[in-house]
C-alpha atoms as a PDB file:
ATOM      1  CA  UNK A   1      75.200  99.510 125.643  1.00  0.00           C
ATOM      2  CA  UNK A   2      77.954 101.713 124.632  1.00  0.00           C
ATOM      3  CA  UNK A   3      79.216 101.620 121.306  1.00  0.00           C
ATOM      4  CA  UNK A   4      82.293 100.178 119.957  1.00  0.00           C
ATOM      5  CA  UNK A   5      85.388 102.577 120.294  1.00  0.00           C
ATOM      6  CA  UNK A   6      86.317 103.214 116.071  1.00  0.00           C
ATOM      7  CA  UNK A   7      90.039 102.784 115.414  1.00  0.00           C
ATOM      8  CA  UNK A   8      89.697 104.093 111.915  1.00  0.00           C
ATOM      9  CA  UNK A   9      89.326 100.116 110.324  1.00  0.00           C
ATOM     10  CA  UNK A  10      86.707  98.888 111.441  1.00  0.00           C
ATOM     11  CA  UNK A  11      83.551 100.102 110.229  1.00  0.00           C
ATOM     12  CA  UNK A  12      80.633 100.779 112.043  1.00  0.00           C
ATOM     13  CA  UNK A  13      78.402 102.452 110.491  1.00  0.00           C
ATOM     14  CA  UNK A  14      77.911 106.509 112.270  1.00  0.00           C
ATOM     15  CA  UNK A  15      81.175 106.905 112.625  1.00  0.00           C
ATOM     16  CA  UNK A  16      83.402 106.449 109.334  1.00  0.00           C
ATOM     17  CA  UNK A  17      82.916 108.532 106.470  1.00  0.00           C
ATOM     18  CA  UNK A  18      80.853 108.202 103.105  1.00  0.00           C
ATOM     19  CA  UNK A  19      83.590 106.209 100.416  1.00  0.00           C
ATOM     20  CA  UNK A  20      84.002 103.988 103.708  1.00  0.00           C
ATOM     21  CA  UNK A  21      80.470 103.284 104.278  1.00  0.00           C
ATOM     22  CA  UNK A  22      79.349 102.443 101.010  1.00  0.00           C
ATOM     23  CA  UNK A  23      82.634 100.700 100.755  1.00  0.00           C
ATOM     24  CA  UNK A  24      81.816  97.798 103.223  1.00  0.00           C
ATOM     25  CA  UNK A  25      77.763  97.922 102.113  1.00  0.00           C
ATOM     26  CA  UNK A  26      78.262  96.474  98.844  1.00  0.00           C
ATOM     27  CA  UNK A  27      80.152  94.010  99.582  1.00  0.00           C
ATOM     28  CA  UNK A  28      77.609  92.729 101.326  1.00  0.00           C
ATOM     29  CA  UNK A  29      75.072  93.737  99.379  1.00  0.00           C
ATOM     30  CA  UNK A  30      77.282  91.450  96.543  1.00  0.00           C
ATOM     31  CA  UNK A  31      77.568  88.566  99.517  1.00  0.00           C
ATOM     32  CA  UNK A  32      74.509  88.588 100.401  1.00  0.00           C
ATOM     33  CA  UNK A  33      72.184  86.630  97.342  1.00  0.00           C
ATOM     34  CA  UNK A  34      74.775  83.664  97.180  1.00  0.00           C
ATOM     35  CA  UNK A  35      73.505  83.191 101.559  1.00  0.00           C
ATOM     36  CA  UNK A  36      69.591  81.927 101.128  1.00  0.00           C
ATOM     37  CA  UNK A  37      69.255  78.258 101.726  1.00  0.00           C
ATOM     38  CA  UNK A  38      72.681  78.014 102.873  1.00  0.00           C
ATOM     39  CA  UNK A  39      75.036  77.802 106.161  1.00  0.00           C
ATOM     40  CA  UNK A  40      76.497  80.450 106.304  1.00  0.00           C
ATOM     41  CA  UNK A  41      79.772  81.776 108.317  1.00  0.00           C
ATOM     42  CA  UNK A  42      81.255  85.736 108.400  1.00  0.00           C
ATOM     43  CA  UNK A  43      84.354  85.126 109.448  1.00  0.00           C
ATOM     44  CA  UNK A  44      85.569  88.797 111.448  1.00  0.00           C
ATOM     45  CA  UNK A  45      81.933  89.964 111.647  1.00  0.00           C
ATOM     46  CA  UNK A  46      83.222  93.163 113.054  1.00  0.00           C
ATOM     47  CA  UNK A  47      80.432  95.013 114.228  1.00  0.00           C
ATOM     48  CA  UNK A  48      77.704  92.590 112.882  1.00  0.00           C
ATOM     49  CA  UNK A  49      75.784  94.874 110.588  1.00  0.00           C
ATOM     50  CA  UNK A  50      76.508  91.895 107.536  1.00  0.00           C
ATOM     51  CA  UNK A  51      76.440  88.997 109.791  1.00  0.00           C
ATOM     52  CA  UNK A  52      72.408  90.764 110.263  1.00  0.00           C
ATOM     53  CA  UNK A  53      72.349  90.874 106.740  1.00  0.00           C
ATOM     54  CA  UNK A  54      72.977  87.504 106.041  1.00  0.00           C
ATOM     55  CA  UNK A  55      71.374  86.224 108.706  1.00  0.00           C
ATOM     56  CA  UNK A  56      68.040  87.580 107.265  1.00  0.00           C
ATOM     57  CA  UNK A  57      68.244  86.970 103.646  1.00  0.00           C
ATOM     58  CA  UNK A  58      67.130  83.184 103.951  1.00  0.00           C
ATOM     59  CA  UNK A  59      70.193  81.265 105.531  1.00  0.00           C
ATOM     60  CA  UNK A  60      69.932  78.234 107.075  1.00  0.00           C
ATOM     61  CA  UNK A  61      72.481  79.303 109.455  1.00  0.00           C
ATOM     62  CA  UNK A  62      74.621  82.409 109.925  1.00  0.00           C
ATOM     63  CA  UNK A  63      77.594  82.867 112.230  1.00  0.00           C
ATOM     64  CA  UNK A  64      79.447  85.913 112.651  1.00  0.00           C
ATOM     65  CA  UNK A  65      83.429  84.991 114.199  1.00  0.00           C
ATOM     66  CA  UNK A  66      85.671  87.839 115.420  1.00  0.00           C
ATOM     67  CA  UNK A  67      88.174  88.185 117.974  1.00  0.00           C
ATOM     68  CA  UNK A  68      87.477  90.722 119.984  1.00  0.00           C
ATOM     69  CA  UNK A  69      85.776  89.586 123.124  1.00  0.00           C
ATOM     70  CA  UNK A  70      84.159  93.403 123.130  1.00  0.00           C
ATOM     71  CA  UNK A  71      83.393  92.719 119.359  1.00  0.00           C
ATOM     72  CA  UNK A  72      81.483  89.741 119.381  1.00  0.00           C
ATOM     73  CA  UNK A  73      79.189  90.682 122.154  1.00  0.00           C
ATOM     74  CA  UNK A  74      78.749  94.313 120.755  1.00  0.00           C
ATOM     75  CA  UNK A  75      77.632  91.925 117.647  1.00  0.00           C
ATOM     76  CA  UNK A  76      74.822  89.870 119.609  1.00  0.00           C
ATOM     77  CA  UNK A  77      72.992  92.641 121.793  1.00  0.00           C
ATOM     78  CA  UNK A  78      73.199  95.217 119.284  1.00  0.00           C
ATOM     79  CA  UNK A  79      71.759  92.741 116.184  1.00  0.00           C
ATOM     80  CA  UNK A  80      70.542  90.033 118.100  1.00  0.00           C
ATOM     81  CA  UNK A  81      72.916  87.345 115.518  1.00  0.00           C
ATOM     82  CA  UNK A  82      74.899  84.280 117.103  1.00  0.00           C
ATOM     83  CA  UNK A  83      78.816  86.199 116.938  1.00  0.00           C
ATOM     84  CA  UNK A  84      81.677  83.263 118.626  1.00  0.00           C
ATOM     85  CA  UNK A  85      84.728  84.465 119.491  1.00  0.00           C
ATOM     86  CA  UNK A  86      87.975  82.871 117.533  1.00  0.00           C
ATOM     87  CA  UNK A  87      90.642  83.700 115.321  1.00  0.00           C
ATOM     88  CA  UNK A  88      90.254  83.275 111.553  1.00  0.00           C
ATOM     89  CA  UNK A  89      93.839  80.686 111.763  1.00  0.00           C
ATOM     90  CA  UNK A  90      91.525  78.775 113.804  1.00  0.00           C
ATOM     91  CA  UNK A  91      87.968  78.843 113.091  1.00  0.00           C
ATOM     92  CA  UNK A  92      86.357  77.357 116.004  1.00  0.00           C
ATOM     93  CA  UNK A  93      83.565  75.268 113.710  1.00  0.00           C
ATOM     94  CA  UNK A  94      83.734  71.838 112.527  1.00  0.00           C
ATOM     95  CA  UNK A  95      85.058  70.149 109.176  1.00  0.00           C
ATOM     96  CA  UNK A  96      82.245  70.379 106.200  1.00  0.00           C
ATOM     97  CA  UNK A  97      80.101  72.099 108.357  1.00  0.00           C
ATOM     98  CA  UNK A  98      79.468  75.170 106.124  1.00  0.00           C
ATOM     99  CA  UNK A  99      78.304  75.948 102.585  1.00  0.00           C
ATOM    100  CA  UNK A 100      79.179  79.623 102.587  1.00  0.00           C
ATOM    101  CA  UNK A 101      82.199  81.637 103.882  1.00  0.00           C
ATOM    102  CA  UNK A 102      81.712  85.485 103.552  1.00  0.00           C
ATOM    103  CA  UNK A 103      85.130  87.557 104.764  1.00  0.00           C
ATOM    104  CA  UNK A 104      86.212  90.764 103.975  1.00  0.00           C
ATOM    105  CA  UNK A 105      89.194  92.738 104.784  1.00  0.00           C
ATOM    106  CA  UNK A 106      90.409  90.018 106.490  1.00  0.00           C
ATOM    107  CA  UNK A 107      93.626  88.036 105.204  1.00  0.00           C
ATOM    108  CA  UNK A 108      95.544  91.585 104.812  1.00  0.00           C
ATOM    109  CA  UNK A 109      95.138  91.180 109.197  1.00  0.00           C
ATOM    110  CA  UNK A 110      96.638  87.326 109.630  1.00  0.00           C
ATOM    111  CA  UNK A 111      99.841  87.190 110.545  1.00  0.00           C
ATOM    112  CA  UNK A 112      99.930  83.543 108.618  1.00  0.00           C
ATOM    113  CA  UNK A 113      96.732  83.965 105.741  1.00  0.00           C
ATOM    114  CA  UNK A 114      97.918  80.736 103.674  1.00  0.00           C
ATOM    115  CA  UNK A 115      96.416  79.372 107.842  1.00  0.00           C
ATOM    116  CA  UNK A 116      93.064  81.214 107.211  1.00  0.00           C
ATOM    117  CA  UNK A 117      92.576  79.457 103.513  1.00  0.00           C
ATOM    118  CA  UNK A 118      93.541  76.195 104.799  1.00  0.00           C
ATOM    119  CA  UNK A 119      90.873  77.048 107.271  1.00  0.00           C
ATOM    120  CA  UNK A 120      88.155  78.035 104.784  1.00  0.00           C
ATOM    121  CA  UNK A 121      88.615  74.537 103.105  1.00  0.00           C
ATOM    122  CA  UNK A 122      88.732  73.087 105.927  1.00  0.00           C
ATOM    123  CA  UNK A 123      85.891  74.109 106.767  1.00  0.00           C
ATOM    124  CA  UNK A 124      83.696  74.255 103.403  1.00  0.00           C
ATOM    125  CA  UNK A 125      81.669  71.017 102.108  1.00  0.00           C
ATOM    126  CA  UNK A 126      82.157  70.373  98.521  1.00  0.00           C
ATOM    127  CA  UNK A 127      80.275  72.490  96.532  1.00  0.00           C
ATOM    128  CA  UNK A 128      80.775  75.318  99.046  1.00  0.00           C
ATOM    129  CA  UNK A 129      81.946  78.900  98.223  1.00  0.00           C
ATOM    130  CA  UNK A 130      84.312  81.316  99.947  1.00  0.00           C
ATOM    131  CA  UNK A 131      83.993  85.051  99.548  1.00  0.00           C
ATOM    132  CA  UNK A 132      86.670  87.415  99.800  1.00  0.00           C
ATOM    133  CA  UNK A 133      88.072  90.799  99.778  1.00  0.00           C
ATOM    134  CA  UNK A 134      91.516  92.306 100.015  1.00  0.00           C
ATOM    135  CA  UNK A 135      92.669  96.110  99.269  1.00  0.00           C
ATOM    136  CA  UNK A 136      94.918  95.719  96.164  1.00  0.00           C
ATOM    137  CA  UNK A 137      98.244  98.120  97.834  1.00  0.00           C
ATOM    138  CA  UNK A 138      99.791  99.640  94.211  1.00  0.00           C
ATOM    139  CA  UNK A 139      96.679 101.402  94.661  1.00  0.00           C
ATOM    140  CA  UNK A 140      94.955 101.829  97.770  1.00  0.00           C
ATOM    141  CA  UNK A 141      98.060 103.138  99.241  1.00  0.00           C
ATOM    142  CA  UNK A 142      98.716 105.462  97.103  1.00  0.00           C
ATOM    143  CA  UNK A 143      98.475 109.112  98.622  1.00  0.00           C
ATOM    144  CA  UNK A 144      97.921 107.197 102.379  1.00  0.00           C
ATOM    145  CA  UNK A 145     100.304 106.745 105.013  1.00  0.00           C
ATOM    146  CA  UNK A 146     101.016 103.274 105.455  1.00  0.00           C
ATOM    147  CA  UNK A 147      98.173 101.381 107.703  1.00  0.00           C
ATOM    148  CA  UNK A 148      98.862  99.881 110.947  1.00  0.00           C
ATOM    149  CA  UNK A 149      96.711  97.532 110.961  1.00  0.00           C
ATOM    150  CA  UNK A 150      97.446  95.739 108.015  1.00  0.00           C
ATOM    151  CA  UNK A 151     100.965  93.115 108.593  1.00  0.00           C
ATOM    152  CA  UNK A 152      99.915  91.018 105.141  1.00  0.00           C
ATOM    153  CA  UNK A 153      98.855  92.834 102.369  1.00  0.00           C
ATOM    154  CA  UNK A 154      99.117  91.023  98.995  1.00  0.00           C
ATOM    155  CA  UNK A 155      99.643  92.191  95.911  1.00  0.00           C
ATOM    156  CA  UNK A 156      97.190  90.613  92.953  1.00  0.00           C
ATOM    157  CA  UNK A 157      99.049  87.980  92.063  1.00  0.00           C
ATOM    158  CA  UNK A 158      99.816  86.697  95.083  1.00  0.00           C
ATOM    159  CA  UNK A 159      96.882  87.028  96.461  1.00  0.00           C
ATOM    160  CA  UNK A 160      95.229  84.829  93.445  1.00  0.00           C
ATOM    161  CA  UNK A 161      98.622  82.363  93.722  1.00  0.00           C
ATOM    162  CA  UNK A 162      97.146  82.082  97.574  1.00  0.00           C
ATOM    163  CA  UNK A 163      94.155  80.927  96.780  1.00  0.00           C
ATOM    164  CA  UNK A 164      94.319  78.892  94.193  1.00  0.00           C
ATOM    165  CA  UNK A 165      96.541  76.855  96.160  1.00  0.00           C
ATOM    166  CA  UNK A 166      93.654  75.708  97.809  1.00  0.00           C
ATOM    167  CA  UNK A 167      90.952  76.919  95.586  1.00  0.00           C
ATOM    168  CA  UNK A 168      90.442  75.346  91.928  1.00  0.00           C
ATOM    169  CA  UNK A 169      88.028  77.033  90.505  1.00  0.00           C
ATOM    170  CA  UNK A 170      87.729  81.174  91.384  1.00  0.00           C
ATOM    171  CA  UNK A 171      85.943  83.829  89.818  1.00  0.00           C
ATOM    172  CA  UNK A 172      86.886  88.132  90.220  1.00  0.00           C
ATOM    173  CA  UNK A 173      85.235  90.736  90.963  1.00  0.00           C
ATOM    174  CA  UNK A 174      86.595  94.477  92.196  1.00  0.00           C
ATOM    175  CA  UNK A 175      85.843  97.420  93.509  1.00  0.00           C
ATOM    176  CA  UNK A 176      86.691 101.761  92.574  1.00  0.00           C
ATOM    177  CA  UNK A 177      88.828 101.005  88.977  1.00  0.00           C
ATOM    178  CA  UNK A 178      87.793 104.065  88.016  1.00  0.00           C
ATOM    179  CA  UNK A 179      84.763 106.596  88.897  1.00  0.00           C
ATOM    180  CA  UNK A 180      81.920 107.779  86.475  1.00  0.00           C
ATOM    181  CA  UNK A 181      82.435 111.050  84.359  1.00  0.00           C
ATOM    182  CA  UNK A 182      79.770 112.603  86.719  1.00  0.00           C
ATOM    183  CA  UNK A 183      82.111 112.265  89.905  1.00  0.00           C
ATOM    184  CA  UNK A 184      84.515 114.238  88.110  1.00  0.00           C
ATOM    185  CA  UNK A 185      82.431 117.367  88.318  1.00  0.00           C
ATOM    186  CA  UNK A 186      82.389 119.909  91.357  1.00  0.00           C
ATOM    187  CA  UNK A 187      80.390 118.830  93.993  1.00  0.00           C
ATOM    188  CA  UNK A 188      77.386 121.184  94.285  1.00  0.00           C
ATOM    189  CA  UNK A 189      77.096 122.193  90.674  1.00  0.00           C
ATOM    190  CA  UNK A 190      74.056 121.378  89.219  1.00  0.00           C
ATOM    191  CA  UNK A 191      75.368 118.561  86.997  1.00  0.00           C
ATOM    192  CA  UNK A 192      76.966 116.852  90.101  1.00  0.00           C
ATOM    193  CA  UNK A 193      73.870 116.862  91.762  1.00  0.00           C
ATOM    194  CA  UNK A 194      71.813 115.712  88.933  1.00  0.00           C
ATOM    195  CA  UNK A 195      74.412 112.591  88.654  1.00  0.00           C
ATOM    196  CA  UNK A 196      74.813 111.973  91.930  1.00  0.00           C
ATOM    197  CA  UNK A 197      70.228 111.687  91.499  1.00  0.00           C
ATOM    198  CA  UNK A 198      70.531 109.178  88.430  1.00  0.00           C
ATOM    199  CA  UNK A 199      73.509 107.395  88.891  1.00  0.00           C
ATOM    200  CA  UNK A 200      73.846 106.984  93.226  1.00  0.00           C
ATOM    201  CA  UNK A 201      70.673 107.189  94.534  1.00  0.00           C
ATOM    202  CA  UNK A 202      71.093 105.905  97.828  1.00  0.00           C
ATOM    203  CA  UNK A 203      73.654 108.457  98.581  1.00  0.00           C
ATOM    204  CA  UNK A 204      71.887 110.920  99.922  1.00  0.00           C
ATOM    205  CA  UNK A 205      71.494 109.487 102.803  1.00  0.00           C
ATOM    206  CA  UNK A 206      73.438 111.181 106.307  1.00  0.00           C
ATOM    207  CA  UNK A 207      75.311 108.090 106.923  1.00  0.00           C
ATOM    208  CA  UNK A 208      76.820 110.300 110.658  1.00  0.00           C
ATOM    209  CA  UNK A 209      73.618 109.595 112.237  1.00  0.00           C
ATOM    210  CA  UNK A 210      72.375 106.035 109.818  1.00  0.00           C
ATOM    211  CA  UNK A 211      70.355 103.890 111.592  1.00  0.00           C
ATOM    212  CA  UNK A 212      71.157  99.914 112.858  1.00  0.00           C
ATOM    213  CA  UNK A 213      67.877  98.813 110.902  1.00  0.00           C
ATOM    214  CA  UNK A 214      68.658 101.473 108.406  1.00  0.00           C
ATOM    215  CA  UNK A 215      73.021  99.585 107.362  1.00  0.00           C
ATOM    216  CA  UNK A 216      71.337  96.406 107.305  1.00  0.00           C
ATOM    217  CA  UNK A 217      67.947  96.978 104.878  1.00  0.00           C
ATOM    218  CA  UNK A 218      70.886  98.632 102.433  1.00  0.00           C
ATOM    219  CA  UNK A 219      73.327  95.315 102.867  1.00  0.00           C
ATOM    220  CA  UNK A 220      70.019  93.218 101.708  1.00  0.00           C
ATOM    221  CA  UNK A 221      69.218  95.590  99.155  1.00  0.00           C
ATOM    222  CA  UNK A 222      69.223  94.740  95.415  1.00  0.00           C
ATOM    223  CA  UNK A 223      70.380  97.099  92.357  1.00  0.00           C
ATOM    224  CA  UNK A 224      67.711 100.325  91.982  1.00  0.00           C
ATOM    225  CA  UNK A 225      68.809 101.832  88.764  1.00  0.00           C
ATOM    226  CA  UNK A 226      67.939 100.158  85.416  1.00  0.00           C
ATOM    227  CA  UNK A 227      69.110  96.412  87.421  1.00  0.00           C
ATOM    228  CA  UNK A 228      72.254  97.860  88.517  1.00  0.00           C
ATOM    229  CA  UNK A 229      73.245  99.637  91.579  1.00  0.00           C
ATOM    230  CA  UNK A 230      75.914 102.350  89.992  1.00  0.00           C
ATOM    231  CA  UNK A 231      77.853 103.955  92.471  1.00  0.00           C
ATOM    232  CA  UNK A 232      81.935 104.778  92.661  1.00  0.00           C
ATOM    233  CA  UNK A 233      82.129 102.076  95.440  1.00  0.00           C
ATOM    234  CA  UNK A 234      79.458  99.314  93.369  1.00  0.00           C
ATOM    235  CA  UNK A 235      81.149  95.336  93.261  1.00  0.00           C
ATOM    236  CA  UNK A 236      82.029  94.795  89.168  1.00  0.00           C
ATOM    237  CA  UNK A 237      82.452  91.885  87.725  1.00  0.00           C
ATOM    238  CA  UNK A 238      86.193  91.097  86.125  1.00  0.00           C
ATOM    239  CA  UNK A 239      86.739  89.486  83.092  1.00  0.00           C
ATOM    240  CA  UNK A 240      88.926  86.499  82.708  1.00  0.00           C
ATOM    241  CA  UNK A 241      91.131  88.181  80.106  1.00  0.00           C
ATOM    242  CA  UNK A 242      91.401  91.729  82.197  1.00  0.00           C
ATOM    243  CA  UNK A 243      93.728  92.295  84.927  1.00  0.00           C
ATOM    244  CA  UNK A 244      93.416  92.575  88.654  1.00  0.00           C
ATOM    245  CA  UNK A 245      95.978  95.173  89.495  1.00  0.00           C
ATOM    246  CA  UNK A 246      94.310  98.681  88.976  1.00  0.00           C
ATOM    247  CA  UNK A 247      91.066  97.911  90.644  1.00  0.00           C
ATOM    248  CA  UNK A 248      91.114  99.540  94.419  1.00  0.00           C
ATOM    249  CA  UNK A 249      89.642  96.319  96.191  1.00  0.00           C
ATOM    250  CA  UNK A 250      89.839  92.680  95.345  1.00  0.00           C
ATOM    251  CA  UNK A 251      86.740  90.600  95.433  1.00  0.00           C
ATOM    252  CA  UNK A 252      87.100  86.009  95.076  1.00  0.00           C
ATOM    253  CA  UNK A 253      84.402  84.805  95.216  1.00  0.00           C
ATOM    254  CA  UNK A 254      86.062  81.151  95.114  1.00  0.00           C
ATOM    255  CA  UNK A 255      85.680  77.109  95.302  1.00  0.00           C
ATOM    256  CA  UNK A 256      86.534  73.604  94.297  1.00  0.00           C
END
């Protein structure tokens, strides 16, 4: 099986930098506990590692949806998951057939993001949940060129309003609001190394040569330090009264 081409956008284990790897893995680590005993869809499943993690975590069923046929074939062969071709704006699944939808870094790629959220509302059962993420352009774009793959980037207020137009209940989480103090130390110093070992115990892994099984296992793993996996990429709860603007990535758990 030939590997998927790395374009700089889709997360492919072994091809991305350390920070990008952990950003994506941490999102699935957050989502996996929601999947147990549920019918789940991973929309814009990409390479398939996250779909595999959800499928191996006690879900009743998991289907991955992706618009690219080569990506779907790759996920099927590499991980043995149920992956199907489909657009996020027209998902090929029946009404009220899902308990959980997971869709990370998808909505900003869509010409009609409102159609995607309407589809999620159609697919979910009465007590179903949507776990969705998107970058905050006010933070994500700092010092970076415009992302050619993104056509619908939304500021926090717009993202919040779009979700509220479909879902009554929305809980907010974020990634990379600020870095722990030890990360500001010069890399290679003893204090930096000590901080990395204590607070970031999994970052010693060589993600450039990481295996499929290890990637999936990391998506399923639980916090490892004092009940919390404390890294710059960890998903953290945002209090209801706190602003959303400072976070690089916003993650919402939405339901009716």
